[in-house]
């Protein structure tokens, strides 16, 4: 769990720095920070989305995942949880706390580094990948917290739970996670990050949380690919 704890701590420290910077800048400069956060997210998202080699499975996962998320109103549930966190820990914070928490959680938990890094930590005691991810997440959290506020810091909780569970269960999960599954999971995560980016750039607003089940749908689709060649 050492690597995960360091990762969570880096996000908190980076977010606090970004939040302090945010409080000291005028609105016109804050818009610049929003644009920087949006462009950073867009770049990361595109790089990740291009990992897919099965575009039909990619499209089906997003569609069915989005339908499931909408049916269960996952976005609303995450927003309510974010608001409870705000009331409990950051009552006087500025900005869209729940949005910062959700967007940062998706960004920091998506991608192969979180999964592979957790597996290496759990099965080999190798924390190098998670430590590298910690540095990257720390810098990105500065930009995100500068744009969206202290809610970004609470994404450390999501990272701690997600990567912690993967680390503890890595011995049992790792045999079922192929290179193909990692690539397709990364691609779906990239699509979610692109949604976040378009919202930050004020081009289009998405209920990104409602598309989170796409990560589970793509796992199922990858597992059945040997039996459904058209995927």
C-alpha atoms as a PDB file:
ATOM      1  CA  UNK A   1       0.000   0.000   0.000  1.00  0.00           C
ATOM      2  CA  UNK A   2       3.048   2.264   0.234  1.00  0.00           C
ATOM      3  CA  UNK A   3       2.815   3.403  -3.398  1.00  0.00           C
ATOM      4  CA  UNK A   4      -0.906   4.109  -3.130  1.00  0.00           C
ATOM      5  CA  UNK A   5      -0.438   6.143   0.055  1.00  0.00           C
ATOM      6  CA  UNK A   6       2.271   8.220  -1.639  1.00  0.00           C
ATOM      7  CA  UNK A   7       0.010   8.700  -4.664  1.00  0.00           C
ATOM      8  CA  UNK A   8      -2.877   9.920  -2.518  1.00  0.00           C
ATOM      9  CA  UNK A   9      -0.560  12.234  -0.563  1.00  0.00           C
ATOM     10  CA  UNK A  10       0.839  13.722  -3.792  1.00  0.00           C
ATOM     11  CA  UNK A  11      -2.684  14.535  -4.977  1.00  0.00           C
ATOM     12  CA  UNK A  12      -3.524  16.228  -1.679  1.00  0.00           C
ATOM     13  CA  UNK A  13      -0.320  18.293  -1.664  1.00  0.00           C
ATOM     14  CA  UNK A  14      -0.692  19.278  -5.321  1.00  0.00           C
ATOM     15  CA  UNK A  15      -4.343  20.191  -4.787  1.00  0.00           C
ATOM     16  CA  UNK A  16      -3.530  22.385  -1.792  1.00  0.00           C
ATOM     17  CA  UNK A  17      -0.910  24.229  -3.843  1.00  0.00           C
ATOM     18  CA  UNK A  18      -3.373  24.683  -6.704  1.00  0.00           C
ATOM     19  CA  UNK A  19      -6.110  25.834  -4.335  1.00  0.00           C
ATOM     20  CA  UNK A  20      -3.832  28.443  -2.754  1.00  0.00           C
ATOM     21  CA  UNK A  21      -2.852  29.709  -6.202  1.00  0.00           C
ATOM     22  CA  UNK A  22      -6.520  29.805  -7.203  1.00  0.00           C
ATOM     23  CA  UNK A  23      -7.431  32.044  -4.264  1.00  0.00           C
ATOM     24  CA  UNK A  24      -4.817  34.577  -5.232  1.00  0.00           C
ATOM     25  CA  UNK A  25      -5.647  35.108  -8.912  1.00  0.00           C
ATOM     26  CA  UNK A  26      -8.276  37.207 -10.655  1.00  0.00           C
ATOM     27  CA  UNK A  27     -11.127  35.749 -12.708  1.00  0.00           C
ATOM     28  CA  UNK A  28      -9.500  36.498 -16.060  1.00  0.00           C
ATOM     29  CA  UNK A  29      -6.423  34.523 -15.023  1.00  0.00           C
ATOM     30  CA  UNK A  30      -8.579  31.775 -13.575  1.00  0.00           C
ATOM     31  CA  UNK A  31     -10.056  31.263 -17.046  1.00  0.00           C
ATOM     32  CA  UNK A  32      -6.527  30.680 -18.313  1.00  0.00           C
ATOM     33  CA  UNK A  33      -6.099  27.963 -15.668  1.00  0.00           C
ATOM     34  CA  UNK A  34      -9.388  26.369 -16.771  1.00  0.00           C
ATOM     35  CA  UNK A  35      -8.152  26.350 -20.359  1.00  0.00           C
ATOM     36  CA  UNK A  36      -4.843  24.808 -19.302  1.00  0.00           C
ATOM     37  CA  UNK A  37      -6.680  22.109 -17.339  1.00  0.00           C
ATOM     38  CA  UNK A  38      -8.962  21.451 -20.301  1.00  0.00           C
ATOM     39  CA  UNK A  39      -6.153  21.182 -22.823  1.00  0.00           C
ATOM     40  CA  UNK A  40      -4.115  18.977 -20.479  1.00  0.00           C
ATOM     41  CA  UNK A  41      -7.102  16.661 -20.048  1.00  0.00           C
ATOM     42  CA  UNK A  42      -7.794  16.625 -23.784  1.00  0.00           C
ATOM     43  CA  UNK A  43      -4.200  15.657 -24.575  1.00  0.00           C
ATOM     44  CA  UNK A  44      -4.188  12.880 -21.964  1.00  0.00           C
ATOM     45  CA  UNK A  45      -7.601  11.644 -23.099  1.00  0.00           C
ATOM     46  CA  UNK A  46      -6.702  11.464 -26.780  1.00  0.00           C
ATOM     47  CA  UNK A  47      -3.452   9.622 -26.037  1.00  0.00           C
ATOM     48  CA  UNK A  48      -5.373   7.074 -23.971  1.00  0.00           C
ATOM     49  CA  UNK A  49      -8.346   6.687 -26.331  1.00  0.00           C
ATOM     50  CA  UNK A  50      -6.041   5.857 -29.237  1.00  0.00           C
ATOM     51  CA  UNK A  51      -4.987   2.676 -27.393  1.00  0.00           C
ATOM     52  CA  UNK A  52      -8.134   0.880 -28.591  1.00  0.00           C
ATOM     53  CA  UNK A  53      -7.791  -1.723 -31.313  1.00  0.00           C
ATOM     54  CA  UNK A  54     -11.439  -2.824 -31.229  1.00  0.00           C
ATOM     55  CA  UNK A  55     -13.485   0.227 -32.106  1.00  0.00           C
ATOM     56  CA  UNK A  56     -16.825  -1.648 -32.136  1.00  0.00           C
ATOM     57  CA  UNK A  57     -16.298  -2.908 -28.587  1.00  0.00           C
ATOM     58  CA  UNK A  58     -15.188   0.608 -27.618  1.00  0.00           C
ATOM     59  CA  UNK A  59     -18.400   2.110 -29.047  1.00  0.00           C
ATOM     60  CA  UNK A  60     -20.663  -0.568 -27.519  1.00  0.00           C
ATOM     61  CA  UNK A  61     -19.054  -0.152 -24.099  1.00  0.00           C
ATOM     62  CA  UNK A  62     -19.612   3.607 -24.131  1.00  0.00           C
ATOM     63  CA  UNK A  63     -23.189   3.255 -25.354  1.00  0.00           C
ATOM     64  CA  UNK A  64     -24.347   0.505 -23.001  1.00  0.00           C
ATOM     65  CA  UNK A  65     -22.273   1.865 -20.134  1.00  0.00           C
ATOM     66  CA  UNK A  66     -23.839   5.287 -20.616  1.00  0.00           C
ATOM     67  CA  UNK A  67     -27.343   3.780 -20.709  1.00  0.00           C
ATOM     68  CA  UNK A  68     -26.700   1.843 -17.492  1.00  0.00           C
ATOM     69  CA  UNK A  69     -25.214   4.868 -15.765  1.00  0.00           C
ATOM     70  CA  UNK A  70     -28.147   7.037 -16.793  1.00  0.00           C
ATOM     71  CA  UNK A  71     -30.658   4.440 -15.598  1.00  0.00           C
ATOM     72  CA  UNK A  72     -28.990   4.306 -12.169  1.00  0.00           C
ATOM     73  CA  UNK A  73     -28.181   8.056 -12.132  1.00  0.00           C
ATOM     74  CA  UNK A  74     -24.579   7.419 -11.105  1.00  0.00           C
ATOM     75  CA  UNK A  75     -23.627  11.044 -11.736  1.00  0.00           C
ATOM     76  CA  UNK A  76     -26.295  12.196  -9.300  1.00  0.00           C
ATOM     77  CA  UNK A  77     -25.095   9.725  -6.687  1.00  0.00           C
ATOM     78  CA  UNK A  78     -21.496  10.907  -7.008  1.00  0.00           C
ATOM     79  CA  UNK A  79     -22.595  14.534  -6.794  1.00  0.00           C
ATOM     80  CA  UNK A  80     -24.560  13.819  -3.618  1.00  0.00           C
ATOM     81  CA  UNK A  81     -21.553  12.036  -2.133  1.00  0.00           C
ATOM     82  CA  UNK A  82     -19.350  14.978  -3.111  1.00  0.00           C
ATOM     83  CA  UNK A  83     -21.731  17.408  -1.456  1.00  0.00           C
ATOM     84  CA  UNK A  84     -21.695  15.344   1.735  1.00  0.00           C
ATOM     85  CA  UNK A  85     -17.901  15.463   1.705  1.00  0.00           C
ATOM     86  CA  UNK A  86     -18.093  19.216   1.222  1.00  0.00           C
ATOM     87  CA  UNK A  87     -20.509  19.658   4.122  1.00  0.00           C
ATOM     88  CA  UNK A  88     -18.356  17.471   6.343  1.00  0.00           C
ATOM     89  CA  UNK A  89     -14.860  18.685   5.484  1.00  0.00           C
ATOM     90  CA  UNK A  90     -14.915  21.784   3.258  1.00  0.00           C
ATOM     91  CA  UNK A  91     -18.107  23.692   4.000  1.00  0.00           C
ATOM     92  CA  UNK A  92     -16.696  27.085   3.018  1.00  0.00           C
ATOM     93  CA  UNK A  93     -14.867  25.997  -0.139  1.00  0.00           C
ATOM     94  CA  UNK A  94     -15.359  27.842  -3.414  1.00  0.00           C
ATOM     95  CA  UNK A  95     -16.149  26.362  -6.810  1.00  0.00           C
ATOM     96  CA  UNK A  96     -17.906  23.191  -7.946  1.00  0.00           C
ATOM     97  CA  UNK A  97     -16.689  20.825  -5.248  1.00  0.00           C
ATOM     98  CA  UNK A  98     -18.508  17.736  -6.532  1.00  0.00           C
ATOM     99  CA  UNK A  99     -17.375  18.341 -10.108  1.00  0.00           C
ATOM    100  CA  UNK A 100     -13.768  18.697  -9.002  1.00  0.00           C
ATOM    101  CA  UNK A 101     -14.007  15.499  -6.978  1.00  0.00           C
ATOM    102  CA  UNK A 102     -15.626  13.534  -9.828  1.00  0.00           C
ATOM    103  CA  UNK A 103     -13.431  14.809 -12.651  1.00  0.00           C
ATOM    104  CA  UNK A 104     -10.199  14.350 -10.747  1.00  0.00           C
ATOM    105  CA  UNK A 105     -11.236  10.876  -9.582  1.00  0.00           C
ATOM    106  CA  UNK A 106     -11.867   9.775 -13.167  1.00  0.00           C
ATOM    107  CA  UNK A 107      -8.593  11.294 -14.336  1.00  0.00           C
ATOM    108  CA  UNK A 108      -6.414   9.776 -11.611  1.00  0.00           C
ATOM    109  CA  UNK A 109      -8.039   6.312 -11.619  1.00  0.00           C
ATOM    110  CA  UNK A 110      -8.251   5.826 -15.390  1.00  0.00           C
ATOM    111  CA  UNK A 111      -5.501   4.255 -17.379  1.00  0.00           C
ATOM    112  CA  UNK A 112      -3.034   1.434 -17.241  1.00  0.00           C
ATOM    113  CA  UNK A 113      -0.626   3.066 -14.781  1.00  0.00           C
ATOM    114  CA  UNK A 114      -3.101   2.740 -11.914  1.00  0.00           C
ATOM    115  CA  UNK A 115      -3.828  -0.909 -12.698  1.00  0.00           C
ATOM    116  CA  UNK A 116      -0.355  -2.138 -13.638  1.00  0.00           C
ATOM    117  CA  UNK A 117       1.286  -0.090 -10.885  1.00  0.00           C
ATOM    118  CA  UNK A 118      -1.051  -1.604  -8.286  1.00  0.00           C
ATOM    119  CA  UNK A 119      -0.421  -5.127  -9.619  1.00  0.00           C
ATOM    120  CA  UNK A 120       3.343  -4.645  -9.484  1.00  0.00           C
ATOM    121  CA  UNK A 121       3.131  -3.275  -5.964  1.00  0.00           C
ATOM    122  CA  UNK A 122       0.946  -6.151  -4.783  1.00  0.00           C
ATOM    123  CA  UNK A 123       2.667  -9.068  -6.489  1.00  0.00           C
ATOM    124  CA  UNK A 124       6.300  -7.928  -6.774  1.00  0.00           C
ATOM    125  CA  UNK A 125       6.690  -5.203  -4.168  1.00  0.00           C
ATOM    126  CA  UNK A 126       7.713  -2.857  -7.010  1.00  0.00           C
ATOM    127  CA  UNK A 127       6.446   0.681  -6.317  1.00  0.00           C
ATOM    128  CA  UNK A 128       8.315   2.442  -9.136  1.00  0.00           C
ATOM    129  CA  UNK A 129       5.327   2.833 -11.463  1.00  0.00           C
ATOM    130  CA  UNK A 130       3.035   4.124  -8.718  1.00  0.00           C
ATOM    131  CA  UNK A 131       5.712   6.571  -7.588  1.00  0.00           C
ATOM    132  CA  UNK A 132       6.036   7.845 -11.164  1.00  0.00           C
ATOM    133  CA  UNK A 133       2.248   8.172 -11.316  1.00  0.00           C
ATOM    134  CA  UNK A 134       2.358  10.065  -8.009  1.00  0.00           C
ATOM    135  CA  UNK A 135       4.636  12.722  -9.489  1.00  0.00           C
ATOM    136  CA  UNK A 136       2.419  13.103 -12.573  1.00  0.00           C
ATOM    137  CA  UNK A 137      -0.807  13.205 -10.533  1.00  0.00           C
ATOM    138  CA  UNK A 138       0.719  15.736  -8.163  1.00  0.00           C
ATOM    139  CA  UNK A 139       1.498  18.179 -10.956  1.00  0.00           C
ATOM    140  CA  UNK A 140      -1.849  17.648 -12.694  1.00  0.00           C
ATOM    141  CA  UNK A 141      -3.700  18.168  -9.401  1.00  0.00           C
ATOM    142  CA  UNK A 142      -2.117  21.617  -9.116  1.00  0.00           C
ATOM    143  CA  UNK A 143      -3.688  22.595 -12.446  1.00  0.00           C
ATOM    144  CA  UNK A 144      -7.018  20.942 -11.680  1.00  0.00           C
ATOM    145  CA  UNK A 145      -7.359  22.409  -8.187  1.00  0.00           C
ATOM    146  CA  UNK A 146      -6.436  25.799  -9.582  1.00  0.00           C
ATOM    147  CA  UNK A 147      -9.364  25.454 -11.958  1.00  0.00           C
ATOM    148  CA  UNK A 148     -11.982  23.609  -9.886  1.00  0.00           C
ATOM    149  CA  UNK A 149     -11.097  24.085  -6.248  1.00  0.00           C
ATOM    150  CA  UNK A 150     -10.423  21.908  -3.232  1.00  0.00           C
ATOM    151  CA  UNK A 151     -12.763  19.130  -4.363  1.00  0.00           C
ATOM    152  CA  UNK A 152      -9.843  17.803  -6.415  1.00  0.00           C
ATOM    153  CA  UNK A 153      -7.958  16.944  -3.214  1.00  0.00           C
ATOM    154  CA  UNK A 154     -10.691  14.519  -2.182  1.00  0.00           C
ATOM    155  CA  UNK A 155      -9.986  12.462  -5.308  1.00  0.00           C
ATOM    156  CA  UNK A 156      -7.136  11.125  -3.178  1.00  0.00           C
ATOM    157  CA  UNK A 157      -9.825   9.101  -1.391  1.00  0.00           C
ATOM    158  CA  UNK A 158     -10.912   7.510  -4.691  1.00  0.00           C
ATOM    159  CA  UNK A 159      -7.310   6.726  -5.593  1.00  0.00           C
ATOM    160  CA  UNK A 160      -6.619   5.239  -2.161  1.00  0.00           C
ATOM    161  CA  UNK A 161      -9.653   2.933  -2.314  1.00  0.00           C
ATOM    162  CA  UNK A 162      -9.314   1.967  -6.003  1.00  0.00           C
ATOM    163  CA  UNK A 163      -5.574   1.335  -6.098  1.00  0.00           C
ATOM    164  CA  UNK A 164      -5.590  -0.083  -2.591  1.00  0.00           C
ATOM    165  CA  UNK A 165      -8.168  -2.731  -3.523  1.00  0.00           C
ATOM    166  CA  UNK A 166      -6.269  -3.569  -6.724  1.00  0.00           C
ATOM    167  CA  UNK A 167      -3.033  -3.919  -4.754  1.00  0.00           C
ATOM    168  CA  UNK A 168      -4.553  -6.164  -2.089  1.00  0.00           C
ATOM    169  CA  UNK A 169      -6.359  -8.361  -4.640  1.00  0.00           C
ATOM    170  CA  UNK A 170      -3.652  -8.243  -7.313  1.00  0.00           C
ATOM    171  CA  UNK A 171      -2.621 -11.875  -6.866  1.00  0.00           C
ATOM    172  CA  UNK A 172      -6.168 -12.983  -7.705  1.00  0.00           C
ATOM    173  CA  UNK A 173      -7.011 -10.408 -10.390  1.00  0.00           C
ATOM    174  CA  UNK A 174      -3.771 -10.165 -12.367  1.00  0.00           C
ATOM    175  CA  UNK A 175      -4.103 -13.529 -14.210  1.00  0.00           C
ATOM    176  CA  UNK A 176      -7.360 -12.346 -15.803  1.00  0.00           C
ATOM    177  CA  UNK A 177      -6.023  -8.969 -16.995  1.00  0.00           C
ATOM    178  CA  UNK A 178      -4.470  -9.242 -20.453  1.00  0.00           C
ATOM    179  CA  UNK A 179      -2.617  -6.620 -22.466  1.00  0.00           C
ATOM    180  CA  UNK A 180      -5.749  -6.292 -24.605  1.00  0.00           C
ATOM    181  CA  UNK A 181      -7.922  -5.612 -21.569  1.00  0.00           C
ATOM    182  CA  UNK A 182      -5.487  -2.997 -20.275  1.00  0.00           C
ATOM    183  CA  UNK A 183      -5.466  -1.265 -23.664  1.00  0.00           C
ATOM    184  CA  UNK A 184      -9.260  -1.217 -23.959  1.00  0.00           C
ATOM    185  CA  UNK A 185      -9.749  -0.077 -20.352  1.00  0.00           C
ATOM    186  CA  UNK A 186      -7.249   2.707 -20.985  1.00  0.00           C
ATOM    187  CA  UNK A 187      -9.117   3.718 -24.144  1.00  0.00           C
ATOM    188  CA  UNK A 188     -12.466   3.935 -22.341  1.00  0.00           C
ATOM    189  CA  UNK A 189     -10.810   5.943 -19.574  1.00  0.00           C
ATOM    190  CA  UNK A 190      -9.444   8.242 -22.263  1.00  0.00           C
ATOM    191  CA  UNK A 191     -12.934   8.801 -23.655  1.00  0.00           C
ATOM    192  CA  UNK A 192     -14.159   9.800 -20.184  1.00  0.00           C
ATOM    193  CA  UNK A 193     -11.260  12.223 -19.801  1.00  0.00           C
ATOM    194  CA  UNK A 194     -12.075  13.768 -23.196  1.00  0.00           C
ATOM    195  CA  UNK A 195     -15.603  14.408 -21.882  1.00  0.00           C
ATOM    196  CA  UNK A 196     -14.101  16.171 -18.876  1.00  0.00           C
ATOM    197  CA  UNK A 197     -11.833  18.210 -21.157  1.00  0.00           C
ATOM    198  CA  UNK A 198     -14.700  19.390 -23.368  1.00  0.00           C
ATOM    199  CA  UNK A 199     -16.568  20.534 -20.264  1.00  0.00           C
ATOM    200  CA  UNK A 200     -13.561  22.445 -18.918  1.00  0.00           C
ATOM    201  CA  UNK A 201     -13.137  24.111 -22.309  1.00  0.00           C
ATOM    202  CA  UNK A 202     -16.868  24.984 -22.247  1.00  0.00           C
ATOM    203  CA  UNK A 203     -17.452  23.251 -25.569  1.00  0.00           C
ATOM    204  CA  UNK A 204     -19.912  20.606 -24.388  1.00  0.00           C
ATOM    205  CA  UNK A 205     -21.113  19.461 -20.972  1.00  0.00           C
ATOM    206  CA  UNK A 206     -21.437  15.720 -20.289  1.00  0.00           C
ATOM    207  CA  UNK A 207     -22.622  13.720 -17.290  1.00  0.00           C
ATOM    208  CA  UNK A 208     -19.323  11.871 -17.217  1.00  0.00           C
ATOM    209  CA  UNK A 209     -20.216   9.861 -14.121  1.00  0.00           C
ATOM    210  CA  UNK A 210     -23.046   8.158 -16.000  1.00  0.00           C
ATOM    211  CA  UNK A 211     -20.497   6.648 -18.384  1.00  0.00           C
ATOM    212  CA  UNK A 212     -18.406   4.984 -15.661  1.00  0.00           C
ATOM    213  CA  UNK A 213     -20.146   1.581 -16.170  1.00  0.00           C
ATOM    214  CA  UNK A 214     -18.487   1.535 -19.602  1.00  0.00           C
ATOM    215  CA  UNK A 215     -15.328   0.420 -17.771  1.00  0.00           C
ATOM    216  CA  UNK A 216     -17.143  -2.702 -16.589  1.00  0.00           C
ATOM    217  CA  UNK A 217     -18.832  -3.295 -19.939  1.00  0.00           C
ATOM    218  CA  UNK A 218     -15.497  -3.237 -21.807  1.00  0.00           C
ATOM    219  CA  UNK A 219     -14.112  -5.864 -19.386  1.00  0.00           C
ATOM    220  CA  UNK A 220     -17.031  -8.158 -20.233  1.00  0.00           C
ATOM    221  CA  UNK A 221     -16.639  -7.514 -23.964  1.00  0.00           C
ATOM    222  CA  UNK A 222     -12.920  -8.302 -23.875  1.00  0.00           C
ATOM    223  CA  UNK A 223     -13.624 -11.546 -22.024  1.00  0.00           C
ATOM    224  CA  UNK A 224     -16.154 -12.678 -24.675  1.00  0.00           C
ATOM    225  CA  UNK A 225     -14.065 -11.569 -27.674  1.00  0.00           C
ATOM    226  CA  UNK A 226     -12.695 -15.103 -28.255  1.00  0.00           C
ATOM    227  CA  UNK A 227     -16.278 -16.231 -28.809  1.00  0.00           C
ATOM    228  CA  UNK A 228     -17.525 -13.189 -30.782  1.00  0.00           C
ATOM    229  CA  UNK A 229     -15.046 -12.573 -33.571  1.00  0.00           C
ATOM    230  CA  UNK A 230     -16.888  -9.517 -34.933  1.00  0.00           C
ATOM    231  CA  UNK A 231     -15.853  -7.529 -31.856  1.00  0.00           C
END
